[in-house]
Amino acid sequence: MNTLSSHVLDTTNGRPAKGIALTLTYPDGSTAEGITNDDGRFNGWAENSAKGFEAGTYTLRFHCQEYLLSNHSKSFYPHIDIAFELEENGGHYHVPLLISPFGFSSYRGS
């Protein structure tokens, strides 16, 4: 069974990014919404599917402009899309995002 979580860290402040809206697009084009908590995390995707996530290509959109403008007065990115592929029975997938007003990076976390 595949599960999914995410975490957003503000590398300028060295703190979690609270209140960033997320949109997950499934391989079939349907979507689900979430928002990062006080620790910059969201793991409610598992609640949306009791069977876990099927294999396929997903896109996770981080709607970061509002957060960056309110915390840094600048935002080069209105949103950041990360496309990733889940394998059959791949286990837990964690998609972290490190952001600043003018840069970002991601990787497969644990």
Protein backbone atom coordinates (compact mmCIF):
# COMPACT_ATOMS: atom_id res chain seq x y z
CA MET A 1 0.00 0.00 0.00
CA ASN A 2 1.25 3.50 -0.85
CA THR A 3 0.87 6.43 1.52
CA LEU A 4 1.83 10.06 1.00
CA SER A 5 2.86 13.01 3.15
CA SER A 6 4.50 16.39 2.60
CA HIS A 7 6.46 18.99 4.53
CA VAL A 8 7.35 22.59 3.63
CA LEU A 9 10.32 24.35 5.20
CA ASP A 10 11.14 28.03 4.76
CA THR A 11 14.91 28.06 4.28
CA THR A 12 15.15 31.83 4.71
CA ASN A 13 13.62 31.74 8.20
CA GLY A 14 14.79 28.23 9.05
CA ARG A 15 11.22 27.33 10.09
CA PRO A 16 8.25 25.28 8.94
CA ALA A 17 5.96 26.99 6.43
CA LYS A 18 2.50 27.05 8.02
CA GLY A 19 -0.69 27.57 6.02
CA ILE A 20 0.43 26.70 2.50
CA ALA A 21 -2.45 25.35 0.43
CA LEU A 22 -1.78 22.13 -1.47
CA THR A 23 -3.49 20.54 -4.46
CA LEU A 24 -2.79 16.91 -5.30
CA THR A 25 -3.65 15.84 -8.84
CA TYR A 26 -4.18 12.10 -9.28
CA PRO A 27 -3.24 10.16 -12.44
CA ASP A 28 -6.88 10.29 -13.58
CA GLY A 29 -6.98 14.10 -13.28
CA SER A 30 -9.07 14.27 -10.10
CA THR A 31 -7.78 16.46 -7.28
CA ALA A 32 -7.67 16.70 -3.49
CA GLU A 33 -6.86 19.71 -1.30
CA GLY A 34 -4.86 20.17 1.87
CA ILE A 35 -3.04 22.82 3.91
CA THR A 36 0.17 22.66 5.90
CA ASN A 37 -0.15 22.66 9.70
CA ASP A 38 1.86 24.59 12.31
CA ASP A 39 4.82 22.28 11.67
CA GLY A 40 4.61 22.80 7.88
CA ARG A 41 3.34 19.24 7.40
CA PHE A 42 0.35 17.66 5.72
CA ASN A 43 -0.36 13.94 5.84
CA GLY A 44 -4.13 13.94 5.38
CA TRP A 45 -3.85 12.41 1.91
CA ALA A 46 -3.99 8.95 3.48
CA GLU A 47 -7.40 9.86 4.96
CA ASN A 48 -8.68 10.44 1.43
CA SER A 49 -8.03 6.86 0.35
CA ALA A 50 -8.41 3.90 2.72
CA LYS A 51 -6.72 1.65 0.12
CA GLY A 52 -3.71 3.93 -0.27
CA PHE A 53 -2.55 5.38 -3.55
CA GLU A 54 -2.45 3.49 -6.81
CA ALA A 55 0.70 3.43 -8.91
CA GLY A 56 0.98 6.30 -11.35
CA THR A 57 2.15 9.86 -11.89
CA TYR A 58 0.88 12.50 -9.48
CA THR A 59 1.41 16.26 -9.26
CA LEU A 60 1.56 18.13 -5.99
CA ARG A 61 1.02 21.89 -6.30
CA PHE A 62 2.24 24.10 -3.48
CA HIS A 63 0.37 27.43 -3.57
CA CYS A 64 3.23 29.38 -2.00
CA GLN A 65 2.84 32.96 -3.24
CA GLU A 66 0.63 34.21 -0.41
CA TYR A 67 2.94 32.68 2.20
CA LEU A 68 6.09 34.11 0.61
CA LEU A 69 4.60 37.58 0.18
CA SER A 70 3.36 37.75 3.76
CA ASN A 71 6.62 36.42 5.24
CA HIS A 72 9.21 37.92 2.87
CA SER A 73 7.42 40.62 0.82
CA LYS A 74 8.69 38.88 -2.33
CA SER A 75 7.65 35.83 -4.32
CA PHE A 76 9.11 34.76 -7.64
CA TYR A 77 6.86 31.67 -7.59
CA PRO A 78 3.04 31.89 -7.60
CA HIS A 79 3.04 28.11 -7.12
CA ILE A 80 5.42 25.18 -7.37
CA ASP A 81 4.42 21.93 -9.06
CA ILE A 82 6.24 18.71 -8.27
CA ALA A 83 5.39 15.71 -10.44
CA PHE A 84 6.37 12.30 -9.08
CA GLU A 85 5.69 8.66 -9.76
CA LEU A 86 4.40 6.13 -7.25
CA GLU A 87 5.25 2.48 -7.83
CA GLU A 88 2.99 -0.44 -7.06
CA ASN A 89 3.39 -1.24 -3.34
CA GLY A 90 6.13 1.40 -3.03
CA GLY A 91 5.36 2.07 0.62
CA HIS A 92 5.45 5.54 2.11
CA TYR A 93 6.26 8.51 -0.09
CA HIS A 94 7.23 11.84 1.46
CA VAL A 95 7.49 14.93 -0.76
CA PRO A 96 9.26 17.74 1.11
CA LEU A 97 9.68 21.23 -0.29
CA LEU A 98 12.35 23.70 0.77
CA ILE A 99 11.38 27.24 -0.24
CA SER A 100 12.64 30.81 -0.22
CA PRO A 101 11.33 33.80 -2.18
CA PHE A 102 13.68 33.04 -5.09
CA GLY A 103 14.46 29.33 -4.91
CA PHE A 104 13.17 25.88 -4.04
CA SER A 105 14.24 22.25 -3.96
CA SER A 106 12.64 18.90 -3.28
CA TYR A 107 13.60 15.27 -2.91
CA ARG A 108 12.01 11.95 -1.95
CA GLY A 109 12.01 11.96 1.81
CA SER A 110 11.12 9.26 4.30
